[in-house]
Amino acid sequence: MEGLLQPVHLFFILLIVLILFGPGKLPELGKGLGKGIREFKDAMRGGMEGSSEKKEEEKKSEDDKKS
């Protein structure tokens, strides 16, 4: 088994997090992590949509200049 994160590694990471933060804090950590990932994905989608909109606007302005 090759790779950076094997199942055994993930188990030890989870165990260390459990020891450091305790079982009461884990739901809050998961909620914060999920929210951060969701915001990151939304920002990436918005950035991609924004760049395609900019390209369309630039193309329209170039077409207007040519006319």
C-alpha atoms as a PDB file:
ATOM      1  CA  MET A   1       0.000   0.000   0.000  1.00  0.00           C
ATOM      2  CA  GLU A   2       1.530   3.219  -1.151  1.00  0.00           C
ATOM      3  CA  GLY A   3       0.290   6.704  -0.592  1.00  0.00           C
ATOM      4  CA  LEU A   4       0.498   9.524   1.827  1.00  0.00           C
ATOM      5  CA  LEU A   5      -2.584   8.838   3.958  1.00  0.00           C
ATOM      6  CA  GLN A   6      -3.165   5.176   4.519  1.00  0.00           C
ATOM      7  CA  PRO A   7      -6.008   3.972   6.769  1.00  0.00           C
ATOM      8  CA  VAL A   8      -3.600   3.348   9.639  1.00  0.00           C
ATOM      9  CA  HIS A   9      -2.300   6.925   9.368  1.00  0.00           C
ATOM     10  CA  LEU A  10      -5.824   8.324   9.385  1.00  0.00           C
ATOM     11  CA  PHE A  11      -6.642   6.272  12.485  1.00  0.00           C
ATOM     12  CA  PHE A  12      -3.644   7.677  14.364  1.00  0.00           C
ATOM     13  CA  ILE A  13      -4.444  11.222  13.281  1.00  0.00           C
ATOM     14  CA  LEU A  14      -8.015  10.817  14.531  1.00  0.00           C
ATOM     15  CA  LEU A  15      -6.755   9.343  17.807  1.00  0.00           C
ATOM     16  CA  ILE A  16      -4.364  12.265  18.364  1.00  0.00           C
ATOM     17  CA  VAL A  17      -7.109  14.806  17.604  1.00  0.00           C
ATOM     18  CA  LEU A  18      -9.420  13.013  20.034  1.00  0.00           C
ATOM     19  CA  ILE A  19      -6.768  13.119  22.761  1.00  0.00           C
ATOM     20  CA  LEU A  20      -5.928  16.779  22.166  1.00  0.00           C
ATOM     21  CA  PHE A  21      -9.433  18.215  21.917  1.00  0.00           C
ATOM     22  CA  GLY A  22     -11.602  15.680  23.706  1.00  0.00           C
ATOM     23  CA  PRO A  23     -14.879  14.153  22.565  1.00  0.00           C
ATOM     24  CA  GLY A  24     -16.957  17.220  23.490  1.00  0.00           C
ATOM     25  CA  LYS A  25     -15.062  19.521  21.153  1.00  0.00           C
ATOM     26  CA  LEU A  26     -15.064  17.248  18.087  1.00  0.00           C
ATOM     27  CA  PRO A  27     -18.554  18.202  16.800  1.00  0.00           C
ATOM     28  CA  GLU A  28     -17.597  21.883  16.897  1.00  0.00           C
ATOM     29  CA  LEU A  29     -14.347  21.170  15.063  1.00  0.00           C
ATOM     30  CA  GLY A  30     -16.192  19.163  12.415  1.00  0.00           C
ATOM     31  CA  LYS A  31     -18.774  21.888  11.977  1.00  0.00           C
ATOM     32  CA  GLY A  32     -16.092  24.547  11.579  1.00  0.00           C
ATOM     33  CA  LEU A  33     -14.115  22.424   9.145  1.00  0.00           C
ATOM     34  CA  GLY A  34     -17.210  21.705   7.056  1.00  0.00           C
ATOM     35  CA  LYS A  35     -18.142  25.374   6.986  1.00  0.00           C
ATOM     36  CA  GLY A  36     -14.639  26.338   5.899  1.00  0.00           C
ATOM     37  CA  ILE A  37     -14.620  23.767   3.096  1.00  0.00           C
ATOM     38  CA  ARG A  38     -18.072  24.887   1.935  1.00  0.00           C
ATOM     39  CA  GLU A  39     -16.988  28.553   1.855  1.00  0.00           C
ATOM     40  CA  PHE A  40     -13.836  27.613  -0.040  1.00  0.00           C
ATOM     41  CA  LYS A  41     -15.827  25.706  -2.656  1.00  0.00           C
ATOM     42  CA  ASP A  42     -18.294  28.588  -3.017  1.00  0.00           C
ATOM     43  CA  ALA A  43     -15.420  31.031  -3.461  1.00  0.00           C
ATOM     44  CA  MET A  44     -13.817  28.808  -6.089  1.00  0.00           C
ATOM     45  CA  ARG A  45     -17.106  28.544  -7.992  1.00  0.00           C
ATOM     46  CA  GLY A  46     -17.640  32.287  -7.724  1.00  0.00           C
ATOM     47  CA  GLY A  47     -14.124  32.968  -8.942  1.00  0.00           C
ATOM     48  CA  MET A  48     -14.570  30.691 -11.919  1.00  0.00           C
ATOM     49  CA  GLU A  49     -17.931  32.208 -12.797  1.00  0.00           C
ATOM     50  CA  GLY A  50     -16.553  35.690 -12.320  1.00  0.00           C
ATOM     51  CA  SER A  51     -13.620  35.058 -14.621  1.00  0.00           C
ATOM     52  CA  SER A  52     -15.859  33.658 -17.358  1.00  0.00           C
ATOM     53  CA  GLU A  53     -18.140  36.685 -17.005  1.00  0.00           C
ATOM     54  CA  LYS A  54     -15.131  38.981 -17.331  1.00  0.00           C
ATOM     55  CA  LYS A  55     -14.039  37.188 -20.483  1.00  0.00           C
ATOM     56  CA  GLU A  56     -17.518  37.594 -21.978  1.00  0.00           C
ATOM     57  CA  GLU A  57     -17.564  41.309 -21.100  1.00  0.00           C
ATOM     58  CA  GLU A  58     -14.106  41.794 -22.602  1.00  0.00           C
ATOM     59  CA  LYS A  59     -15.168  39.989 -25.748  1.00  0.00           C
ATOM     60  CA  LYS A  60     -18.295  42.173 -26.045  1.00  0.00           C
ATOM     61  CA  SER A  61     -16.268  45.352 -25.534  1.00  0.00           C
ATOM     62  CA  GLU A  62     -13.765  44.223 -28.194  1.00  0.00           C
ATOM     63  CA  ASP A  63     -16.646  43.489 -30.588  1.00  0.00           C
ATOM     64  CA  ASP A  64     -18.114  46.943 -29.892  1.00  0.00           C
ATOM     65  CA  LYS A  65     -14.765  48.583 -30.608  1.00  0.00           C
ATOM     66  CA  LYS A  66     -14.452  46.723 -33.900  1.00  0.00           C
ATOM     67  CA  SER A  67     -17.938  47.811 -35.022  1.00  0.00           C
END
